[in-house]
Amino acid sequence: MTRHDAAFFELSSNVSFIEQALFYTDDLQKQAISVDGKDSMLLYIDSLVDQEMIQTHILSALYEKTDTSSHQMFTTLSSQKDTNLQNAIDSLIQGYCIFMIDRTEEFYILSSEKTYTRSTDEPENEGIIRGPHNGFIEQLSINLNLIRKQIINPSLVVRYYYVGSRTRTKIAIVYVQDLANPELVEEVKMRIKAISSDMVLPPGFIQEFTEDNPFSLFPQQLSTERPDRVTANLMEGRIAILAEGSPTALIAPVSFFAFYQSPDDYHGRWIISSFLRMIRMVSFLIAFTLPAVYIATIAFHSAILPLELAHTIKKSLGNIPFPAIIEAMLLELIFEVLREAGVRLPSRVGQTIGIVGGLVIGDAIVRAGLVSYTMIIVVSLTAISSFLVPSHEMSSAVRILRFPMMIAAALFGYIGIAFGLLILTIHLCKLETFGTPYFAPLAPFRLGDMKDVFIRFPIWTLHQRPHDSKAQKLKQQNNSRSWKRRE
């Protein structure tokens, strides 16, 4: 019997082994107690435990113990017995208490972890008008509770894993057993288990370790802090990955068009929701092609402009010493700097910097003759369009795409833009996420799945789940308007 296989019977040896394993850390607390004439020891890390719980439920039970057997002392706490000292060390650093009795092989692991919780308010970056206004927080158990409150079904399965050899980050894989494809579930589990790193910080680390093509600009997993969005994707046969200490859930697999869908689309009238979704899709094209189109038109194809507009633009460009590409690059970089400053600064100061900085710098740079008013309009429309994307990661990808498109337009005009769009389309068609085509249902084309892509058909017409999730059951509803009278 070695130290790593089972606990020694001697209390002093066990405590000494634990102290050595924790490098004699100062926040390891030891409390000696006599139970039925036997020496015993309560060990815990005071920075991780709830002191009130220890006093109320553990120490009071030990001091008041009379003839009660050892396993009946802690009736109000989650407790378990173990013999492996390594498990005792792992439990201590997770916020548990260890209770050992001299000359006893078994010890007790008692639940006493301290939790700091905040209210489940709606996430600021995913606000909606109608629907539930709650969001995930940094505590995994509460996040799972929010999901289970919406999917009250025994088929909802949660699998726990620990990743990071030093951080020991707790990961939860959530899926609906009879909907999620078993091969997809095993693929996600395999990728999570394959993570071999000292440190894993969710969600960014998990996303990069598990996505198919980490060198692509486009996110291949949907990150969200909304329980209703996770629930909707789980019911389509997808898988959610959540982690302790992070309010963000990762959804896989997803298509490109999932990033342009908002929970508001399903809480409002379908015609209005379809109109708003089409605006988002158009904003995707505007966000990275409008500056390029303007540069190509000014540099190569000004003849296509109406005569009055051409004179107006030419007049505004008369005193500008730089070509259009330099104007656009300069303004785009200024907008990105202002945006980043607004994000990093405190909220009150950040809003002031964004508004005042944009107005003051924009007006000053035009008066100085460095850029034209027309370019200000183009760049402003581009910036506004990029913020219409419901996903922050997709918005960032679109903002970066505009720079190579501007360079292509400055070099080759409309032909450069056409080649840029062609390369982008080929990349999207080749991209996969957990073996699922990223550009589905356009590539491969599925007409039945187009009911919820560019526009949203009425919910009662969406009889099947999308094919890209590879769900076990495609049918999700019958004719829900069978009550309608026939004349």
Protein backbone atom coordinates (compact mmCIF):
# COMPACT_ATOMS: atom_id res chain seq x y z
CA MET A 1 0.00 0.00 0.00
CA THR A 2 1.64 3.23 -1.24
CA ARG A 3 0.75 6.80 -0.55
CA HIS A 4 -0.77 7.22 -4.00
CA ASP A 5 -2.89 4.07 -3.79
CA ALA A 6 -4.60 4.47 -0.43
CA ALA A 7 -4.44 6.52 2.72
CA PHE A 8 -2.13 5.53 5.54
CA PHE A 9 -3.80 4.75 8.80
CA GLU A 10 -1.72 7.29 10.71
CA LEU A 11 -3.24 10.76 10.74
CA SER A 12 0.07 12.62 10.99
CA SER A 13 1.44 10.83 7.92
CA ASN A 14 -1.66 11.65 5.88
CA VAL A 15 -1.63 15.32 6.85
CA SER A 16 2.09 15.59 6.19
CA PHE A 17 1.66 14.05 2.74
CA ILE A 18 -1.13 16.51 1.83
CA GLU A 19 0.90 19.49 3.09
CA GLN A 20 3.86 18.44 1.03
CA ALA A 21 1.71 17.93 -2.08
CA LEU A 22 0.32 21.47 -1.69
CA PHE A 23 3.82 22.90 -1.09
CA TYR A 24 2.88 24.04 2.42
CA THR A 25 0.57 26.74 1.11
CA ASP A 26 -0.45 29.26 3.77
CA ASP A 27 -4.18 29.09 3.07
CA LEU A 28 -4.38 25.38 3.94
CA GLN A 29 -6.15 25.31 7.29
CA LYS A 30 -5.96 22.40 9.76
CA GLN A 31 -8.33 22.02 12.67
CA ALA A 32 -7.68 19.24 15.19
CA ILE A 33 -10.80 17.66 16.73
CA SER A 34 -11.29 14.74 19.11
CA VAL A 35 -14.10 12.39 18.09
CA ASP A 36 -14.96 9.54 20.45
CA GLY A 37 -11.50 9.76 21.98
CA LYS A 38 -9.80 9.54 18.58
CA ASP A 39 -7.66 12.27 17.09
CA SER A 40 -9.08 13.68 13.85
CA MET A 41 -8.29 16.53 11.53
CA LEU A 42 -10.40 18.83 9.35
CA LEU A 43 -8.48 20.25 6.39
CA TYR A 44 -9.59 22.92 3.94
CA ILE A 45 -8.27 25.81 1.87
CA ASP A 46 -9.82 28.90 3.44
CA SER A 47 -9.84 30.90 0.22
CA LEU A 48 -12.09 28.33 -1.45
CA VAL A 49 -14.57 27.31 1.23
CA ASP A 50 -17.62 28.85 2.83
CA GLN A 51 -16.62 29.56 6.42
CA GLU A 52 -20.22 29.80 7.60
CA MET A 53 -20.99 26.38 6.16
CA ILE A 54 -17.97 24.89 7.93
CA GLN A 55 -19.01 26.35 11.29
CA THR A 56 -22.70 25.49 10.96
CA HIS A 57 -22.73 22.12 9.26
CA ILE A 58 -19.32 20.55 9.92
CA LEU A 59 -17.78 21.76 13.17
CA SER A 60 -21.10 21.85 15.04
CA ALA A 61 -21.82 18.30 13.91
CA LEU A 62 -18.40 17.15 15.08
CA TYR A 63 -18.58 18.86 18.48
CA GLU A 64 -22.11 17.63 19.16
CA LYS A 65 -21.42 14.08 18.06
CA THR A 66 -22.24 11.53 20.75
CA ASP A 67 -22.94 7.95 19.76
CA THR A 68 -23.70 8.65 16.13
CA SER A 69 -21.72 6.58 13.63
CA SER A 70 -19.22 8.47 11.53
CA HIS A 71 -21.11 8.24 8.25
CA GLN A 72 -24.27 9.73 9.82
CA MET A 73 -22.64 12.90 11.20
CA PHE A 74 -22.92 15.07 8.11
CA THR A 75 -26.57 14.67 7.21
CA THR A 76 -26.99 18.18 5.79
CA LEU A 77 -24.00 18.09 3.44
CA SER A 78 -23.03 16.22 0.33
CA SER A 79 -20.33 13.82 1.53
CA GLN A 80 -18.52 10.76 0.31
CA LYS A 81 -15.86 8.40 1.60
CA ASP A 82 -12.56 7.69 -0.10
CA THR A 83 -9.19 6.07 0.56
CA ASN A 84 -7.01 7.65 -2.14
CA LEU A 85 -4.96 10.58 -0.85
CA GLN A 86 -4.59 11.98 -4.36
CA ASN A 87 -8.37 12.36 -4.50
CA ALA A 88 -8.17 14.25 -1.20
CA ILE A 89 -5.68 16.70 -2.70
CA ASP A 90 -7.80 17.17 -5.85
CA SER A 91 -10.89 17.78 -3.70
CA LEU A 92 -9.14 20.35 -1.52
CA ILE A 93 -8.16 22.53 -4.47
CA GLN A 94 -11.75 22.36 -5.74
CA GLY A 95 -13.16 23.80 -2.51
CA TYR A 96 -14.05 20.67 -0.52
CA CYS A 97 -13.19 19.84 3.09
CA ILE A 98 -11.36 16.68 4.12
CA PHE A 99 -12.12 15.05 7.45
CA MET A 100 -9.66 12.36 8.62
CA ILE A 101 -9.71 10.15 11.70
CA ASP A 102 -6.55 8.65 13.16
CA ARG A 103 -6.07 4.91 12.62
CA THR A 104 -8.90 4.89 10.03
CA GLU A 105 -8.28 4.00 6.42
CA GLU A 106 -11.19 6.02 5.03
CA PHE A 107 -11.59 9.78 5.07
CA TYR A 108 -14.57 12.02 4.25
CA ILE A 109 -14.87 14.52 1.39
CA LEU A 110 -17.39 17.20 2.39
CA SER A 111 -19.01 19.76 0.12
CA SER A 112 -18.16 23.26 1.36
CA GLU A 113 -17.14 25.27 -1.70
CA LYS A 114 -17.68 29.03 -1.74
CA THR A 115 -19.63 30.42 -4.67
CA TYR A 116 -19.89 33.97 -5.93
CA THR A 117 -22.94 34.43 -8.11
CA ARG A 118 -24.32 37.39 -9.98
CA SER A 119 -27.84 37.80 -11.29
CA THR A 120 -28.73 36.10 -14.56
CA ASP A 121 -29.34 39.37 -16.38
CA GLU A 122 -29.61 39.63 -20.11
CA PRO A 123 -26.16 39.81 -21.78
CA GLU A 124 -25.37 43.32 -23.00
CA ASN A 125 -24.04 42.20 -26.38
CA GLU A 126 -27.10 40.02 -27.19
CA GLY A 127 -30.04 42.17 -26.18
CA ILE A 128 -33.46 41.49 -27.68
CA ILE A 129 -36.82 43.27 -27.69
CA ARG A 130 -39.14 40.33 -27.04
CA GLY A 131 -38.48 37.01 -25.36
CA PRO A 132 -36.71 35.95 -22.15
CA HIS A 133 -34.31 38.51 -20.71
CA ASN A 134 -31.90 36.26 -18.84
CA GLY A 135 -28.39 35.11 -19.57
CA PHE A 136 -25.63 32.78 -18.48
CA ILE A 137 -23.26 33.64 -15.67
CA GLU A 138 -19.85 32.32 -14.56
CA GLN A 139 -21.29 29.42 -12.51
CA LEU A 140 -21.74 26.24 -14.53
CA SER A 141 -24.45 24.70 -12.34
CA ILE A 142 -26.69 27.76 -12.71
CA ASN A 143 -26.18 27.78 -16.49
CA LEU A 144 -27.21 24.14 -16.70
CA ASN A 145 -30.22 24.94 -14.51
CA LEU A 146 -31.31 27.64 -16.99
CA ILE A 147 -31.13 25.11 -19.82
CA ARG A 148 -32.98 22.38 -17.94
CA LYS A 149 -35.73 24.84 -17.03
CA GLN A 150 -36.44 25.21 -20.75
CA ILE A 151 -35.91 21.58 -21.80
CA ILE A 152 -37.85 19.56 -19.22
CA ASN A 153 -37.03 16.22 -20.75
CA PRO A 154 -35.08 13.17 -19.49
CA SER A 155 -33.30 12.98 -22.86
CA LEU A 156 -31.24 16.06 -22.03
CA VAL A 157 -27.78 14.70 -21.22
CA VAL A 158 -24.82 16.43 -19.55
CA ARG A 159 -21.30 14.98 -19.65
CA TYR A 160 -18.51 16.47 -17.50
CA TYR A 161 -14.83 16.60 -18.42
CA TYR A 162 -11.76 18.29 -16.93
CA VAL A 163 -9.23 19.87 -19.28
CA GLY A 164 -5.94 21.59 -18.57
CA SER A 165 -3.44 19.60 -16.54
CA ARG A 166 -2.93 22.54 -14.18
CA THR A 167 -6.07 24.67 -14.44
CA ARG A 168 -8.41 21.63 -14.33
CA THR A 169 -11.20 23.51 -16.10
CA LYS A 170 -14.57 21.81 -15.74
CA ILE A 171 -16.29 21.35 -19.11
CA ALA A 172 -19.90 20.29 -19.70
CA ILE A 173 -21.06 18.84 -23.01
CA VAL A 174 -24.84 19.16 -23.33
CA TYR A 175 -27.04 17.46 -25.92
CA VAL A 176 -30.42 15.77 -26.37
CA GLN A 177 -29.83 12.03 -26.47
CA ASP A 178 -32.45 11.05 -29.06
CA LEU A 179 -31.81 14.06 -31.33
CA ALA A 180 -28.03 14.59 -31.47
CA ASN A 181 -26.16 12.41 -33.94
CA PRO A 182 -24.12 9.79 -31.99
CA GLU A 183 -21.13 10.24 -34.33
CA LEU A 184 -21.20 13.98 -33.73
CA VAL A 185 -21.37 13.46 -29.96
CA GLU A 186 -18.37 11.12 -30.05
CA GLU A 187 -16.44 13.56 -32.25
CA VAL A 188 -17.00 16.41 -29.79
CA LYS A 189 -16.01 14.21 -26.85
CA MET A 190 -12.88 13.05 -28.67
CA ARG A 191 -11.76 16.60 -29.43
CA ILE A 192 -12.36 17.71 -25.83
CA LYS A 193 -10.43 14.73 -24.45
CA ALA A 194 -7.58 15.37 -26.90
CA ILE A 195 -6.84 18.80 -25.40
CA SER A 196 -3.40 18.52 -23.83
CA SER A 197 -2.32 21.78 -22.27
CA ASP A 198 -1.35 23.11 -18.86
CA MET A 199 -3.85 25.94 -19.15
CA VAL A 200 -7.30 25.96 -20.75
CA LEU A 201 -9.33 29.17 -20.35
CA PRO A 202 -12.85 29.05 -21.80
CA PRO A 203 -14.25 29.79 -24.26
CA GLY A 204 -11.43 30.95 -26.56
CA PHE A 205 -9.02 28.11 -25.76
CA ILE A 206 -11.69 25.44 -26.26
CA GLN A 207 -12.81 26.96 -29.53
CA GLU A 208 -9.30 27.03 -30.99
CA PHE A 209 -8.46 23.53 -29.78
CA THR A 210 -11.59 21.97 -31.28
CA GLU A 211 -12.46 23.88 -34.49
CA ASP A 212 -11.74 22.31 -37.89
CA ASN A 213 -9.88 25.21 -39.49
CA PRO A 214 -8.24 27.54 -36.94
CA PHE A 215 -6.61 29.58 -39.74
CA SER A 216 -9.94 30.75 -41.15
CA LEU A 217 -11.26 34.22 -40.35
CA PHE A 218 -14.77 32.85 -39.86
CA PRO A 219 -15.85 31.42 -36.50
CA GLN A 220 -16.88 27.77 -36.79
CA GLN A 221 -18.67 27.57 -33.44
CA LEU A 222 -21.43 29.89 -32.35
CA SER A 223 -20.72 31.57 -29.01
CA THR A 224 -23.71 32.86 -27.05
CA GLU A 225 -24.68 33.87 -23.52
CA ARG A 226 -28.40 33.32 -24.07
CA PRO A 227 -30.09 30.18 -22.66
CA ASP A 228 -32.95 30.39 -25.18
CA ARG A 229 -30.49 30.38 -28.08
CA VAL A 230 -28.71 27.33 -26.67
CA THR A 231 -32.06 25.60 -26.13
CA ALA A 232 -33.17 26.24 -29.71
CA ASN A 233 -29.94 24.78 -31.08
CA LEU A 234 -30.09 21.75 -28.79
CA MET A 235 -33.58 21.01 -30.07
CA GLU A 236 -32.18 21.02 -33.60
CA GLY A 237 -29.75 18.23 -32.69
CA ARG A 238 -26.69 20.37 -32.03
CA ILE A 239 -24.30 20.21 -29.07
CA ALA A 240 -23.49 22.88 -26.51
CA ILE A 241 -20.16 23.19 -24.70
CA LEU A 242 -20.15 25.11 -21.42
CA ALA A 243 -17.37 25.66 -18.90
CA GLU A 244 -17.00 26.64 -15.26
CA GLY A 245 -16.02 30.28 -14.91
CA SER A 246 -17.40 31.42 -18.27
CA PRO A 247 -20.84 32.78 -19.20
CA THR A 248 -20.36 31.78 -22.84
CA ALA A 249 -21.67 28.59 -24.43
CA LEU A 250 -20.28 27.21 -27.68
CA ILE A 251 -22.70 25.64 -30.18
CA ALA A 252 -21.54 23.07 -32.74
CA PRO A 253 -21.98 22.40 -35.57
CA VAL A 254 -23.30 25.65 -37.05
CA SER A 255 -23.57 27.11 -40.51
CA PHE A 256 -22.55 30.55 -41.72
CA PHE A 257 -26.17 31.75 -41.72
CA ALA A 258 -26.68 30.89 -38.03
CA PHE A 259 -24.57 33.94 -37.15
CA TYR A 260 -27.13 36.21 -38.82
CA GLN A 261 -30.10 34.76 -36.98
CA SER A 262 -31.31 36.49 -33.83
CA PRO A 263 -33.71 35.24 -31.13
CA ASP A 264 -35.87 38.26 -32.02
CA ASP A 265 -36.54 36.61 -35.38
CA TYR A 266 -38.67 33.97 -33.68
CA HIS A 267 -40.48 36.20 -31.20
CA GLY A 268 -41.91 38.65 -33.75
CA ARG A 269 -44.10 38.53 -36.84
CA TRP A 270 -42.53 36.41 -39.54
CA ILE A 271 -42.79 39.06 -42.27
CA ILE A 272 -41.08 41.69 -40.13
CA SER A 273 -38.46 39.19 -38.96
CA SER A 274 -37.72 38.21 -42.56
CA PHE A 275 -37.30 41.86 -43.54
CA LEU A 276 -34.87 42.49 -40.68
CA ARG A 277 -32.90 39.36 -41.49
CA MET A 278 -32.55 40.42 -45.12
CA ILE A 279 -31.22 43.77 -43.90
CA ARG A 280 -28.57 41.89 -41.90
CA MET A 281 -27.58 39.82 -44.90
CA VAL A 282 -27.30 42.92 -47.09
CA SER A 283 -25.26 44.60 -44.35
CA PHE A 284 -22.80 41.69 -44.58
CA LEU A 285 -22.08 42.61 -48.22
CA ILE A 286 -22.00 46.34 -47.51
CA ALA A 287 -19.65 45.92 -44.54
CA PHE A 288 -16.72 44.63 -46.59
CA THR A 289 -17.48 45.58 -50.20
CA LEU A 290 -18.68 49.22 -50.06
CA PRO A 291 -15.22 50.82 -49.54
CA ALA A 292 -13.78 48.53 -52.20
CA VAL A 293 -16.53 49.44 -54.69
CA TYR A 294 -16.00 53.15 -54.00
CA ILE A 295 -12.21 52.86 -54.48
CA ALA A 296 -12.60 50.87 -57.71
CA THR A 297 -15.18 53.33 -59.06
CA ILE A 298 -13.06 56.39 -58.33
CA ALA A 299 -9.80 54.86 -59.58
CA PHE A 300 -10.94 52.87 -62.64
CA HIS A 301 -14.63 53.10 -63.44
CA SER A 302 -15.76 56.68 -62.83
CA ALA A 303 -17.53 56.67 -66.21
CA ILE A 304 -20.39 54.58 -64.82
CA LEU A 305 -21.43 57.38 -62.43
CA PRO A 306 -24.17 59.86 -63.37
CA LEU A 307 -22.66 63.13 -64.58
CA GLU A 308 -23.93 65.24 -61.65
CA LEU A 309 -22.67 62.72 -59.07
CA ALA A 310 -19.33 62.44 -60.82
CA HIS A 311 -18.88 66.23 -60.68
CA THR A 312 -19.82 66.28 -56.97
CA ILE A 313 -17.32 63.55 -56.09
CA LYS A 314 -14.61 65.11 -58.26
CA LYS A 315 -15.11 68.46 -56.56
CA SER A 316 -14.76 66.86 -53.09
CA LEU A 317 -11.57 65.12 -54.20
CA GLY A 318 -10.00 68.22 -55.71
CA ASN A 319 -7.78 69.15 -52.76
CA ILE A 320 -7.11 65.63 -51.41
CA PRO A 321 -3.40 64.76 -51.79
CA PHE A 322 -3.86 60.98 -51.38
CA PRO A 323 -5.40 58.32 -53.62
CA ALA A 324 -8.71 56.75 -52.53
CA ILE A 325 -7.07 53.63 -51.06
CA ILE A 326 -4.97 55.74 -48.66
CA GLU A 327 -8.06 57.73 -47.65
CA ALA A 328 -10.02 54.57 -46.94
CA MET A 329 -7.21 52.88 -45.03
CA LEU A 330 -6.63 55.98 -42.91
CA LEU A 331 -10.29 56.37 -41.98
CA GLU A 332 -10.85 52.66 -41.37
CA LEU A 333 -7.88 52.52 -39.01
CA ILE A 334 -9.13 55.61 -37.16
CA PHE A 335 -12.57 54.01 -36.73
CA GLU A 336 -11.02 50.77 -35.47
CA VAL A 337 -8.88 52.68 -32.96
CA LEU A 338 -11.91 54.61 -31.71
CA ARG A 339 -13.94 51.43 -31.45
CA GLU A 340 -11.24 49.61 -29.51
CA ALA A 341 -10.81 52.60 -27.19
CA GLY A 342 -14.55 52.68 -26.57
CA VAL A 343 -14.55 48.99 -25.64
CA ARG A 344 -11.54 49.13 -23.31
CA LEU A 345 -12.40 52.32 -21.46
CA PRO A 346 -15.09 52.47 -18.74
CA SER A 347 -18.60 52.57 -20.18
CA ARG A 348 -19.31 56.26 -19.52
CA VAL A 349 -15.96 57.42 -20.86
CA GLY A 350 -16.09 54.93 -23.72
CA GLN A 351 -19.36 56.30 -25.09
CA THR A 352 -17.97 59.83 -24.94
CA ILE A 353 -14.81 58.82 -26.76
CA GLY A 354 -16.81 57.06 -29.46
CA ILE A 355 -19.20 59.92 -30.16
CA VAL A 356 -17.03 62.98 -29.55
CA GLY A 357 -13.92 61.36 -31.02
CA GLY A 358 -15.77 60.37 -34.19
CA LEU A 359 -17.31 63.82 -34.67
CA VAL A 360 -14.25 65.88 -33.77
CA ILE A 361 -11.67 63.79 -35.59
CA GLY A 362 -13.93 63.27 -38.60
CA ASP A 363 -14.62 66.97 -39.00
CA ALA A 364 -11.00 67.96 -38.36
CA ILE A 365 -9.56 65.47 -40.83
CA VAL A 366 -11.92 66.68 -43.56
CA ARG A 367 -11.13 70.34 -42.86
CA ALA A 368 -7.43 69.51 -43.00
CA GLY A 369 -7.92 68.19 -46.52
CA LEU A 370 -6.73 64.67 -45.77
CA VAL A 371 -9.95 62.88 -46.72
CA SER A 372 -13.16 63.81 -48.54
CA TYR A 373 -16.71 64.05 -47.25
CA THR A 374 -17.70 61.23 -49.59
CA MET A 375 -15.18 58.89 -48.01
CA ILE A 376 -16.52 59.81 -44.55
CA ILE A 377 -19.99 58.73 -45.67
CA VAL A 378 -18.72 55.47 -47.17
CA VAL A 379 -16.67 54.47 -44.13
CA SER A 380 -19.48 55.43 -41.73
CA LEU A 381 -22.00 53.25 -43.59
CA THR A 382 -19.48 50.43 -43.59
CA ALA A 383 -18.92 50.70 -39.83
CA ILE A 384 -22.64 50.80 -39.08
CA SER A 385 -23.29 47.77 -41.31
CA SER A 386 -20.66 45.71 -39.49
CA PHE A 387 -22.47 46.24 -36.18
CA LEU A 388 -25.73 44.74 -37.47
CA VAL A 389 -24.30 41.23 -37.12
CA PRO A 390 -25.74 39.54 -33.98
CA SER A 391 -22.41 37.73 -33.42
CA HIS A 392 -19.35 39.69 -32.27
CA GLU A 393 -16.92 37.14 -33.76
CA MET A 394 -18.56 37.29 -37.19
CA SER A 395 -18.61 41.08 -37.01
CA SER A 396 -14.86 41.09 -36.36
CA ALA A 397 -14.25 38.76 -39.31
CA VAL A 398 -16.25 41.01 -41.63
CA ARG A 399 -14.34 44.11 -40.51
CA ILE A 400 -11.01 42.46 -41.31
CA LEU A 401 -12.23 41.25 -44.72
CA ARG A 402 -12.69 44.80 -45.99
CA PHE A 403 -8.93 45.50 -45.99
CA PRO A 404 -7.87 42.83 -48.55
CA MET A 405 -10.95 43.73 -50.61
CA MET A 406 -9.87 47.40 -50.69
CA ILE A 407 -6.37 46.42 -51.78
CA ALA A 408 -7.75 44.21 -54.56
CA ALA A 409 -10.04 47.04 -55.72
CA ALA A 410 -7.17 49.55 -55.74
CA LEU A 411 -5.03 47.23 -57.86
CA PHE A 412 -7.53 45.71 -60.31
CA GLY A 413 -10.82 47.60 -59.95
CA TYR A 414 -14.07 45.65 -60.28
CA ILE A 415 -12.13 42.62 -61.52
CA GLY A 416 -10.23 42.54 -58.22
CA ILE A 417 -13.51 42.70 -56.28
CA ALA A 418 -14.95 39.86 -58.38
CA PHE A 419 -11.92 37.67 -57.74
CA GLY A 420 -12.03 38.52 -54.03
CA LEU A 421 -15.70 37.49 -53.82
CA LEU A 422 -14.95 34.32 -55.77
CA ILE A 423 -12.12 33.32 -53.43
CA LEU A 424 -14.31 34.08 -50.42
CA THR A 425 -17.17 31.96 -51.77
CA ILE A 426 -14.83 29.04 -52.50
CA HIS A 427 -13.43 29.25 -48.98
CA LEU A 428 -16.91 29.26 -47.42
CA CYS A 429 -17.96 26.29 -49.55
CA LYS A 430 -14.88 24.27 -48.55
CA LEU A 431 -15.08 25.13 -44.87
CA GLU A 432 -16.47 22.51 -42.46
CA THR A 433 -17.41 22.49 -38.81
CA PHE A 434 -17.31 19.07 -37.14
CA GLY A 435 -17.72 17.45 -40.54
CA THR A 436 -20.72 19.61 -41.48
CA PRO A 437 -20.64 21.96 -44.52
CA TYR A 438 -20.27 25.51 -43.23
CA PHE A 439 -22.15 27.11 -46.12
CA ALA A 440 -25.17 24.82 -45.90
CA PRO A 441 -27.89 24.89 -47.15
CA LEU A 442 -26.41 26.76 -50.14
CA ALA A 443 -23.49 24.36 -50.56
CA PRO A 444 -24.69 21.64 -50.75
CA PHE A 445 -27.98 23.15 -51.82
CA ARG A 446 -31.11 21.98 -49.99
CA LEU A 447 -34.28 23.74 -50.97
CA GLY A 448 -36.20 22.48 -47.93
CA ASP A 449 -33.77 24.14 -45.52
CA MET A 450 -34.05 27.54 -47.24
CA LYS A 451 -37.20 28.31 -45.23
CA ASP A 452 -35.07 29.70 -42.40
CA VAL A 453 -32.04 31.23 -44.11
CA PHE A 454 -32.48 34.55 -45.92
CA ILE A 455 -36.05 34.91 -44.75
CA ARG A 456 -38.01 33.13 -42.04
CA PHE A 457 -41.12 31.29 -43.08
CA PRO A 458 -43.98 31.03 -40.53
CA ILE A 459 -43.01 28.74 -37.67
CA TRP A 460 -45.90 26.36 -38.39
CA THR A 461 -44.36 25.62 -41.84
CA LEU A 462 -40.97 24.56 -40.42
CA HIS A 463 -41.81 20.86 -40.21
CA GLN A 464 -38.23 19.55 -40.31
CA ARG A 465 -34.99 20.30 -38.55
CA PRO A 466 -32.07 21.55 -40.66
CA HIS A 467 -30.05 18.80 -42.33
CA ASP A 468 -26.69 20.37 -41.41
CA SER A 469 -27.05 19.33 -37.75
CA LYS A 470 -27.42 15.67 -38.85
CA ALA A 471 -30.12 15.13 -36.21
CA GLN A 472 -31.46 11.63 -35.66
CA LYS A 473 -35.03 12.85 -36.12
CA LEU A 474 -35.61 15.39 -38.86
CA LYS A 475 -39.33 15.83 -38.27
CA GLN A 476 -40.04 18.30 -35.48
CA GLN A 477 -43.73 19.08 -35.84
CA ASN A 478 -46.96 18.13 -37.58
CA ASN A 479 -49.43 20.51 -39.12
CA SER A 480 -49.96 22.78 -36.14
CA ARG A 481 -52.78 24.69 -37.84
CA SER A 482 -55.08 21.71 -38.40
CA TRP A 483 -57.72 23.59 -36.36
CA LYS A 484 -58.22 26.02 -39.22
CA ARG A 485 -61.68 25.70 -40.70
CA ARG A 486 -62.10 24.68 -44.26
CA GLU A 487 -64.83 26.38 -46.19
